[in-house]
Amino acid sequence: MTLQPYGPEKLDEFALNLLDLAAIMRKMANESRERGVTDLALHDKKAQYWYGNLSNWVHKVQSDLEVRILQSRAKRRAKTAGL
């Protein structure tokens, strides 16, 4: 695995892609509700597995970002204090 740099733009792009998928799922939910399809059978084991991994990854990335923010803040404070 190679670490890839993610800036705000790439994080936004990733989030927007996820929102696109969520919008498709919401549209399918509304269509099935409107058309009375209440028993659509899906193989969801793999999707649930991916979702779990993605959720764990997002929480780890959030923690990593919080650490980087604290480090950046400390570095700026050290500079202004002349350390």
PDB file of N, CA and C in Angstrom:
ATOM      1  N   MET A   1       0.833  -1.183   0.000  1.00  0.00           N
ATOM      2  CA  MET A   1       0.000   0.000   0.000  1.00  0.00           C
ATOM      3  C   MET A   1       0.876   1.243   0.000  1.00  0.00           C
ATOM      4  N   THR A   2       0.514   2.180  -0.839  1.00  0.00           N
ATOM      5  CA  THR A   2       1.245   3.427  -0.931  1.00  0.00           C
ATOM      6  C   THR A   2       0.377   4.552  -0.381  1.00  0.00           C
ATOM      7  N   LEU A   3       0.970   5.368   0.471  1.00  0.00           N
ATOM      8  CA  LEU A   3       0.242   6.528   0.979  1.00  0.00           C
ATOM      9  C   LEU A   3       0.102   7.558  -0.132  1.00  0.00           C
ATOM     10  N   GLN A   4      -1.091   8.079  -0.288  1.00  0.00           N
ATOM     11  CA  GLN A   4      -1.368   9.099  -1.292  1.00  0.00           C
ATOM     12  C   GLN A   4      -1.682  10.410  -0.575  1.00  0.00           C
ATOM     13  N   PRO A   5      -1.101  11.510  -1.042  1.00  0.00           N
ATOM     14  CA  PRO A   5      -1.416  12.796  -0.401  1.00  0.00           C
ATOM     15  C   PRO A   5      -2.836  13.246  -0.770  1.00  0.00           C
ATOM     16  N   TYR A   6      -3.585  13.625   0.236  1.00  0.00           N
ATOM     17  CA  TYR A   6      -4.949  14.136   0.050  1.00  0.00           C
ATOM     18  C   TYR A   6      -5.016  15.536   0.623  1.00  0.00           C
ATOM     19  N   GLY A   7      -5.311  16.495  -0.230  1.00  0.00           N
ATOM     20  CA  GLY A   7      -5.558  17.856   0.203  1.00  0.00           C
ATOM     21  C   GLY A   7      -7.063  18.064   0.286  1.00  0.00           C
ATOM     22  N   PRO A   8      -7.472  19.279   0.614  1.00  0.00           N
ATOM     23  CA  PRO A   8      -8.911  19.559   0.720  1.00  0.00           C
ATOM     24  C   PRO A   8      -9.690  19.236  -0.552  1.00  0.00           C
ATOM     25  N   GLU A   9      -9.102  19.512  -1.713  1.00  0.00           N
ATOM     26  CA  GLU A   9      -9.818  19.269  -2.969  1.00  0.00           C
ATOM     27  C   GLU A   9     -10.055  17.776  -3.191  1.00  0.00           C
ATOM     28  N   LYS A  10      -9.041  16.964  -2.896  1.00  0.00           N
ATOM     29  CA  LYS A  10      -9.186  15.523  -3.104  1.00  0.00           C
ATOM     30  C   LYS A  10     -10.150  14.923  -2.083  1.00  0.00           C
ATOM     31  N   LEU A  11     -10.133  15.444  -0.853  1.00  0.00           N
ATOM     32  CA  LEU A  11     -11.106  14.996   0.144  1.00  0.00           C
ATOM     33  C   LEU A  11     -12.523  15.347  -0.301  1.00  0.00           C
ATOM     34  N   ASP A  12     -12.697  16.561  -0.846  1.00  0.00           N
ATOM     35  CA  ASP A  12     -14.010  16.960  -1.370  1.00  0.00           C
ATOM     36  C   ASP A  12     -14.444  16.048  -2.509  1.00  0.00           C
ATOM     37  N   GLU A  13     -13.532  15.747  -3.424  1.00  0.00           N
ATOM     38  CA  GLU A  13     -13.854  14.881  -4.563  1.00  0.00           C
ATOM     39  C   GLU A  13     -14.310  13.506  -4.071  1.00  0.00           C
ATOM     40  N   PHE A  14     -13.585  12.968  -3.087  1.00  0.00           N
ATOM     41  CA  PHE A  14     -13.940  11.667  -2.529  1.00  0.00           C
ATOM     42  C   PHE A  14     -15.335  11.727  -1.896  1.00  0.00           C
ATOM     43  N   ALA A  15     -15.585  12.768  -1.100  1.00  0.00           N
ATOM     44  CA  ALA A  15     -16.875  12.923  -0.436  1.00  0.00           C
ATOM     45  C   ALA A  15     -18.007  13.073  -1.455  1.00  0.00           C
ATOM     46  N   LEU A  16     -17.759  13.835  -2.519  1.00  0.00           N
ATOM     47  CA  LEU A  16     -18.798  14.026  -3.538  1.00  0.00           C
ATOM     48  C   LEU A  16     -19.100  12.725  -4.261  1.00  0.00           C
ATOM     49  N   ASN A  17     -18.087  11.896  -4.494  1.00  0.00           N
ATOM     50  CA  ASN A  17     -18.330  10.588  -5.104  1.00  0.00           C
ATOM     51  C   ASN A  17     -19.204   9.721  -4.199  1.00  0.00           C
ATOM     52  N   LEU A  18     -18.937   9.768  -2.899  1.00  0.00           N
ATOM     53  CA  LEU A  18     -19.770   9.017  -1.957  1.00  0.00           C
ATOM     54  C   LEU A  18     -21.198   9.553  -1.940  1.00  0.00           C
ATOM     55  N   LEU A  19     -21.331  10.873  -2.005  1.00  0.00           N
ATOM     56  CA  LEU A  19     -22.674  11.467  -2.037  1.00  0.00           C
ATOM     57  C   LEU A  19     -23.429  11.086  -3.307  1.00  0.00           C
ATOM     58  N   ASP A  20     -22.716  10.965  -4.427  1.00  0.00           N
ATOM     59  CA  ASP A  20     -23.355  10.512  -5.670  1.00  0.00           C
ATOM     60  C   ASP A  20     -23.939   9.110  -5.482  1.00  0.00           C
ATOM     61  N   LEU A  21     -23.151   8.219  -4.862  1.00  0.00           N
ATOM     62  CA  LEU A  21     -23.649   6.863  -4.609  1.00  0.00           C
ATOM     63  C   LEU A  21     -24.836   6.888  -3.650  1.00  0.00           C
ATOM     64  N   ALA A  22     -24.743   7.715  -2.622  1.00  0.00           N
ATOM     65  CA  ALA A  22     -25.850   7.823  -1.669  1.00  0.00           C
ATOM     66  C   ALA A  22     -27.107   8.341  -2.367  1.00  0.00           C
ATOM     67  N   ALA A  23     -26.952   9.288  -3.279  1.00  0.00           N
ATOM     68  CA  ALA A  23     -28.106   9.833  -4.007  1.00  0.00           C
ATOM     69  C   ALA A  23     -28.753   8.749  -4.867  1.00  0.00           C
ATOM     70  N   ILE A  24     -27.939   7.907  -5.483  1.00  0.00           N
ATOM     71  CA  ILE A  24     -28.483   6.808  -6.287  1.00  0.00           C
ATOM     72  C   ILE A  24     -29.268   5.847  -5.397  1.00  0.00           C
ATOM     73  N   MET A  25     -28.709   5.522  -4.236  1.00  0.00           N
ATOM     74  CA  MET A  25     -29.400   4.614  -3.320  1.00  0.00           C
ATOM     75  C   MET A  25     -30.711   5.232  -2.829  1.00  0.00           C
ATOM     76  N   ARG A  26     -30.706   6.530  -2.527  1.00  0.00           N
ATOM     77  CA  ARG A  26     -31.937   7.200  -2.094  1.00  0.00           C
ATOM     78  C   ARG A  26     -32.980   7.183  -3.213  1.00  0.00           C
ATOM     79  N   LYS A  27     -32.531   7.396  -4.454  1.00  0.00           N
ATOM     80  CA  LYS A  27     -33.460   7.363  -5.583  1.00  0.00           C
ATOM     81  C   LYS A  27     -34.075   5.970  -5.717  1.00  0.00           C
ATOM     82  N   MET A  28     -33.240   4.935  -5.576  1.00  0.00           N
ATOM     83  CA  MET A  28     -33.760   3.569  -5.654  1.00  0.00           C
ATOM     84  C   MET A  28     -34.748   3.295  -4.528  1.00  0.00           C
ATOM     85  N   ALA A  29     -34.449   3.792  -3.321  1.00  0.00           N
ATOM     86  CA  ALA A  29     -35.353   3.595  -2.195  1.00  0.00           C
ATOM     87  C   ALA A  29     -36.697   4.264  -2.469  1.00  0.00           C
ATOM     88  N   ASN A  30     -36.668   5.484  -2.979  1.00  0.00           N
ATOM     89  CA  ASN A  30     -37.913   6.197  -3.282  1.00  0.00           C
ATOM     90  C   ASN A  30     -38.697   5.503  -4.388  1.00  0.00           C
ATOM     91  N   GLU A  31     -37.982   5.049  -5.437  1.00  0.00           N
ATOM     92  CA  GLU A  31     -38.665   4.363  -6.534  1.00  0.00           C
ATOM     93  C   GLU A  31     -39.303   3.060  -6.058  1.00  0.00           C
ATOM     94  N   SER A  32     -38.574   2.319  -5.230  1.00  0.00           N
ATOM     95  CA  SER A  32     -39.142   1.060  -4.749  1.00  0.00           C
ATOM     96  C   SER A  32     -40.351   1.329  -3.854  1.00  0.00           C
ATOM     97  N   ARG A  33     -40.285   2.387  -3.075  1.00  0.00           N
ATOM     98  CA  ARG A  33     -41.417   2.766  -2.216  1.00  0.00           C
ATOM     99  C   ARG A  33     -42.619   3.162  -3.071  1.00  0.00           C
ATOM    100  N   GLU A  34     -42.365   4.003  -4.083  1.00  0.00           N
ATOM    101  CA  GLU A  34     -43.444   4.489  -4.935  1.00  0.00           C
ATOM    102  C   GLU A  34     -44.072   3.379  -5.774  1.00  0.00           C
ATOM    103  N   ARG A  35     -43.276   2.420  -6.180  1.00  0.00           N
ATOM    104  CA  ARG A  35     -43.756   1.350  -7.065  1.00  0.00           C
ATOM    105  C   ARG A  35     -44.192   0.099  -6.294  1.00  0.00           C
ATOM    106  N   GLY A  36     -44.073   0.155  -4.965  1.00  0.00           N
ATOM    107  CA  GLY A  36     -44.527  -0.965  -4.152  1.00  0.00           C
ATOM    108  C   GLY A  36     -43.609  -2.177  -4.156  1.00  0.00           C
ATOM    109  N   VAL A  37     -42.352  -1.975  -4.498  1.00  0.00           N
ATOM    110  CA  VAL A  37     -41.386  -3.083  -4.471  1.00  0.00           C
ATOM    111  C   VAL A  37     -40.743  -3.094  -3.091  1.00  0.00           C
ATOM    112  N   THR A  38     -41.155  -4.069  -2.285  1.00  0.00           N
ATOM    113  CA  THR A  38     -40.670  -4.113  -0.903  1.00  0.00           C
ATOM    114  C   THR A  38     -39.803  -5.327  -0.613  1.00  0.00           C
ATOM    115  N   ASP A  39     -39.530  -6.135  -1.640  1.00  0.00           N
ATOM    116  CA  ASP A  39     -38.806  -7.377  -1.391  1.00  0.00           C
ATOM    117  C   ASP A  39     -37.657  -7.603  -2.380  1.00  0.00           C
ATOM    118  N   LEU A  40     -36.920  -6.556  -2.675  1.00  0.00           N
ATOM    119  CA  LEU A  40     -35.782  -6.676  -3.587  1.00  0.00           C
ATOM    120  C   LEU A  40     -34.665  -7.447  -2.885  1.00  0.00           C
ATOM    121  N   ALA A  41     -34.311  -8.595  -3.406  1.00  0.00           N
ATOM    122  CA  ALA A  41     -33.276  -9.441  -2.793  1.00  0.00           C
ATOM    123  C   ALA A  41     -31.901  -8.999  -3.293  1.00  0.00           C
ATOM    124  N   LEU A  42     -31.016  -8.746  -2.363  1.00  0.00           N
ATOM    125  CA  LEU A  42     -29.665  -8.300  -2.709  1.00  0.00           C
ATOM    126  C   LEU A  42     -28.628  -9.147  -1.983  1.00  0.00           C
ATOM    127  N   HIS A  43     -27.514  -9.358  -2.641  1.00  0.00           N
ATOM    128  CA  HIS A  43     -26.355  -9.948  -1.968  1.00  0.00           C
ATOM    129  C   HIS A  43     -25.593  -8.780  -1.361  1.00  0.00           C
ATOM    130  N   ASP A  44     -25.728  -8.576  -0.065  1.00  0.00           N
ATOM    131  CA  ASP A  44     -25.153  -7.372   0.538  1.00  0.00           C
ATOM    132  C   ASP A  44     -23.961  -7.646   1.445  1.00  0.00           C
ATOM    133  N   LYS A  45     -23.543  -8.883   1.549  1.00  0.00           N
ATOM    134  CA  LYS A  45     -22.443  -9.197   2.466  1.00  0.00           C
ATOM    135  C   LYS A  45     -21.181  -8.415   2.101  1.00  0.00           C
ATOM    136  N   LYS A  46     -20.850  -8.395   0.818  1.00  0.00           N
ATOM    137  CA  LYS A  46     -19.646  -7.694   0.383  1.00  0.00           C
ATOM    138  C   LYS A  46     -19.799  -6.181   0.567  1.00  0.00           C
ATOM    139  N   ALA A  47     -20.973  -5.654   0.267  1.00  0.00           N
ATOM    140  CA  ALA A  47     -21.207  -4.212   0.442  1.00  0.00           C
ATOM    141  C   ALA A  47     -21.104  -3.831   1.917  1.00  0.00           C
ATOM    142  N   GLN A  48     -21.663  -4.651   2.800  1.00  0.00           N
ATOM    143  CA  GLN A  48     -21.572  -4.378   4.235  1.00  0.00           C
ATOM    144  C   GLN A  48     -20.119  -4.437   4.706  1.00  0.00           C
ATOM    145  N   TYR A  49     -19.357  -5.382   4.160  1.00  0.00           N
ATOM    146  CA  TYR A  49     -17.928  -5.504   4.484  1.00  0.00           C
ATOM    147  C   TYR A  49     -17.175  -4.255   4.036  1.00  0.00           C
ATOM    148  N   TRP A  50     -17.420  -3.810   2.796  1.00  0.00           N
ATOM    149  CA  TRP A  50     -16.756  -2.604   2.275  1.00  0.00           C
ATOM    150  C   TRP A  50     -17.148  -1.384   3.081  1.00  0.00           C
ATOM    151  N   TYR A  51     -18.433  -1.292   3.410  1.00  0.00           N
ATOM    152  CA  TYR A  51     -18.895  -0.152   4.196  1.00  0.00           C
ATOM    153  C   TYR A  51     -18.200  -0.116   5.557  1.00  0.00           C
ATOM    154  N   GLY A  52     -18.090  -1.261   6.201  1.00  0.00           N
ATOM    155  CA  GLY A  52     -17.413  -1.333   7.494  1.00  0.00           C
ATOM    156  C   GLY A  52     -15.968  -0.891   7.397  1.00  0.00           C
ATOM    157  N   ASN A  53     -15.292  -1.366   6.363  1.00  0.00           N
ATOM    158  CA  ASN A  53     -13.896  -0.960   6.158  1.00  0.00           C
ATOM    159  C   ASN A  53     -13.781   0.522   5.858  1.00  0.00           C
ATOM    160  N   LEU A  54     -14.675   1.025   5.021  1.00  0.00           N
ATOM    161  CA  LEU A  54     -14.656   2.448   4.686  1.00  0.00           C
ATOM    162  C   LEU A  54     -14.927   3.293   5.913  1.00  0.00           C
ATOM    163  N   SER A  55     -15.879   2.884   6.717  1.00  0.00           N
ATOM    164  CA  SER A  55     -16.192   3.609   7.937  1.00  0.00           C
ATOM    165  C   SER A  55     -14.980   3.640   8.875  1.00  0.00           C
ATOM    166  N   ASN A  56     -14.340   2.511   9.061  1.00  0.00           N
ATOM    167  CA  ASN A  56     -13.134   2.456   9.900  1.00  0.00           C
ATOM    168  C   ASN A  56     -12.039   3.347   9.333  1.00  0.00           C
ATOM    169  N   TRP A  57     -11.868   3.324   8.010  1.00  0.00           N
ATOM    170  CA  TRP A  57     -10.838   4.123   7.353  1.00  0.00           C
ATOM    171  C   TRP A  57     -11.103   5.613   7.566  1.00  0.00           C
ATOM    172  N   VAL A  58     -12.362   6.026   7.402  1.00  0.00           N
ATOM    173  CA  VAL A  58     -12.711   7.440   7.562  1.00  0.00           C
ATOM    174  C   VAL A  58     -12.429   7.905   8.995  1.00  0.00           C
ATOM    175  N   HIS A  59     -12.759   7.085   9.969  1.00  0.00           N
ATOM    176  CA  HIS A  59     -12.511   7.471  11.363  1.00  0.00           C
ATOM    177  C   HIS A  59     -11.011   7.556  11.649  1.00  0.00           C
ATOM    178  N   LYS A  60     -10.227   6.664  11.051  1.00  0.00           N
ATOM    179  CA  LYS A  60      -8.771   6.730  11.229  1.00  0.00           C
ATOM    180  C   LYS A  60      -8.212   7.983  10.567  1.00  0.00           C
ATOM    181  N   VAL A  61      -8.679   8.281   9.362  1.00  0.00           N
ATOM    182  CA  VAL A  61      -8.225   9.482   8.658  1.00  0.00           C
ATOM    183  C   VAL A  61      -8.590  10.728   9.464  1.00  0.00           C
ATOM    184  N   GLN A  62      -9.770  10.746  10.046  1.00  0.00           N
ATOM    185  CA  GLN A  62     -10.184  11.882  10.864  1.00  0.00           C
ATOM    186  C   GLN A  62      -9.237  12.056  12.051  1.00  0.00           C
ATOM    187  N   SER A  63      -8.876  10.968  12.700  1.00  0.00           N
ATOM    188  CA  SER A  63      -7.933  11.036  13.827  1.00  0.00           C
ATOM    189  C   SER A  63      -6.565  11.514  13.359  1.00  0.00           C
ATOM    190  N   ASP A  64      -6.110  10.985  12.220  1.00  0.00           N
ATOM    191  CA  ASP A  64      -4.815  11.406  11.677  1.00  0.00           C
ATOM    192  C   ASP A  64      -4.805  12.898  11.375  1.00  0.00           C
ATOM    193  N   LEU A  65      -5.902  13.405  10.814  1.00  0.00           N
ATOM    194  CA  LEU A  65      -5.997  14.828  10.503  1.00  0.00           C
ATOM    195  C   LEU A  65      -5.960  15.656  11.780  1.00  0.00           C
ATOM    196  N   GLU A  66      -6.664  15.215  12.806  1.00  0.00           N
ATOM    197  CA  GLU A  66      -6.661  15.951  14.068  1.00  0.00           C
ATOM    198  C   GLU A  66      -5.251  16.033  14.658  1.00  0.00           C
ATOM    199  N   VAL A  67      -4.491  14.945  14.548  1.00  0.00           N
ATOM    200  CA  VAL A  67      -3.104  14.951  15.027  1.00  0.00           C
ATOM    201  C   VAL A  67      -2.272  15.935  14.210  1.00  0.00           C
ATOM    202  N   ARG A  68      -2.424  15.909  12.882  1.00  0.00           N
ATOM    203  CA  ARG A  68      -1.669  16.828  12.018  1.00  0.00           C
ATOM    204  C   ARG A  68      -2.009  18.282  12.318  1.00  0.00           C
ATOM    205  N   ILE A  69      -3.271  18.564  12.597  1.00  0.00           N
ATOM    206  CA  ILE A  69      -3.689  19.925  12.933  1.00  0.00           C
ATOM    207  C   ILE A  69      -3.025  20.367  14.235  1.00  0.00           C
ATOM    208  N   LEU A  70      -3.024  19.490  15.226  1.00  0.00           N
ATOM    209  CA  LEU A  70      -2.372  19.819  16.497  1.00  0.00           C
ATOM    210  C   LEU A  70      -0.872  20.035  16.318  1.00  0.00           C
ATOM    211  N   GLN A  71      -0.233  19.210  15.504  1.00  0.00           N
ATOM    212  CA  GLN A  71       1.196  19.367  15.238  1.00  0.00           C
ATOM    213  C   GLN A  71       1.473  20.690  14.539  1.00  0.00           C
ATOM    214  N   SER A  72       0.646  21.021  13.561  1.00  0.00           N
ATOM    215  CA  SER A  72       0.815  22.270  12.835  1.00  0.00           C
ATOM    216  C   SER A  72       0.636  23.467  13.763  1.00  0.00           C
ATOM    217  N   ARG A  73      -0.366  23.401  14.615  1.00  0.00           N
ATOM    218  CA  ARG A  73      -0.623  24.470  15.574  1.00  0.00           C
ATOM    219  C   ARG A  73       0.562  24.633  16.529  1.00  0.00           C
ATOM    220  N   ALA A  74       1.092  23.523  17.005  1.00  0.00           N
ATOM    221  CA  ALA A  74       2.233  23.572  17.927  1.00  0.00           C
ATOM    222  C   ALA A  74       3.462  24.155  17.236  1.00  0.00           C
ATOM    223  N   LYS A  75       3.665  23.805  15.982  1.00  0.00           N
ATOM    224  CA  LYS A  75       4.808  24.316  15.223  1.00  0.00           C
ATOM    225  C   LYS A  75       4.697  25.826  15.036  1.00  0.00           C
ATOM    226  N   ARG A  76       3.485  26.298  14.720  1.00  0.00           N
ATOM    227  CA  ARG A  76       3.279  27.738  14.565  1.00  0.00           C
ATOM    228  C   ARG A  76       3.504  28.479  15.879  1.00  0.00           C
ATOM    229  N   ARG A  77       3.036  27.922  16.973  1.00  0.00           N
ATOM    230  CA  ARG A  77       3.219  28.540  18.275  1.00  0.00           C
ATOM    231  C   ARG A  77       4.702  28.589  18.655  1.00  0.00           C
ATOM    232  N   ALA A  78       5.413  27.517  18.329  1.00  0.00           N
ATOM    233  CA  ALA A  78       6.848  27.473  18.628  1.00  0.00           C
ATOM    234  C   ALA A  78       7.584  28.553  17.825  1.00  0.00           C
ATOM    235  N   LYS A  79       7.181  28.750  16.575  1.00  0.00           N
ATOM    236  CA  LYS A  79       7.801  29.779  15.732  1.00  0.00           C
ATOM    237  C   LYS A  79       7.565  31.169  16.301  1.00  0.00           C
ATOM    238  N   THR A  80       6.320  31.431  16.700  1.00  0.00           N
ATOM    239  CA  THR A  80       6.011  32.763  17.224  1.00  0.00           C
ATOM    240  C   THR A  80       6.656  32.988  18.581  1.00  0.00           C
ATOM    241  N   ALA A  81       6.907  31.908  19.311  1.00  0.00           N
ATOM    242  CA  ALA A  81       7.574  32.042  20.624  1.00  0.00           C
ATOM    243  C   ALA A  81       9.081  32.109  20.473  1.00  0.00           C
ATOM    244  N   GLY A  82       9.556  31.903  19.239  1.00  0.00           N
ATOM    245  CA  GLY A  82      11.000  31.977  18.982  1.00  0.00           C
ATOM    246  C   GLY A  82      11.769  30.747  19.431  1.00  0.00           C
ATOM    247  N   LEU A  83      11.109  29.612  19.482  1.00  0.00           N
ATOM    248  CA  LEU A  83      11.778  28.370  19.888  1.00  0.00           C
ATOM    249  C   LEU A  83      12.407  27.679  18.713  1.00  0.00           C
TER     250      LEU A  83
END
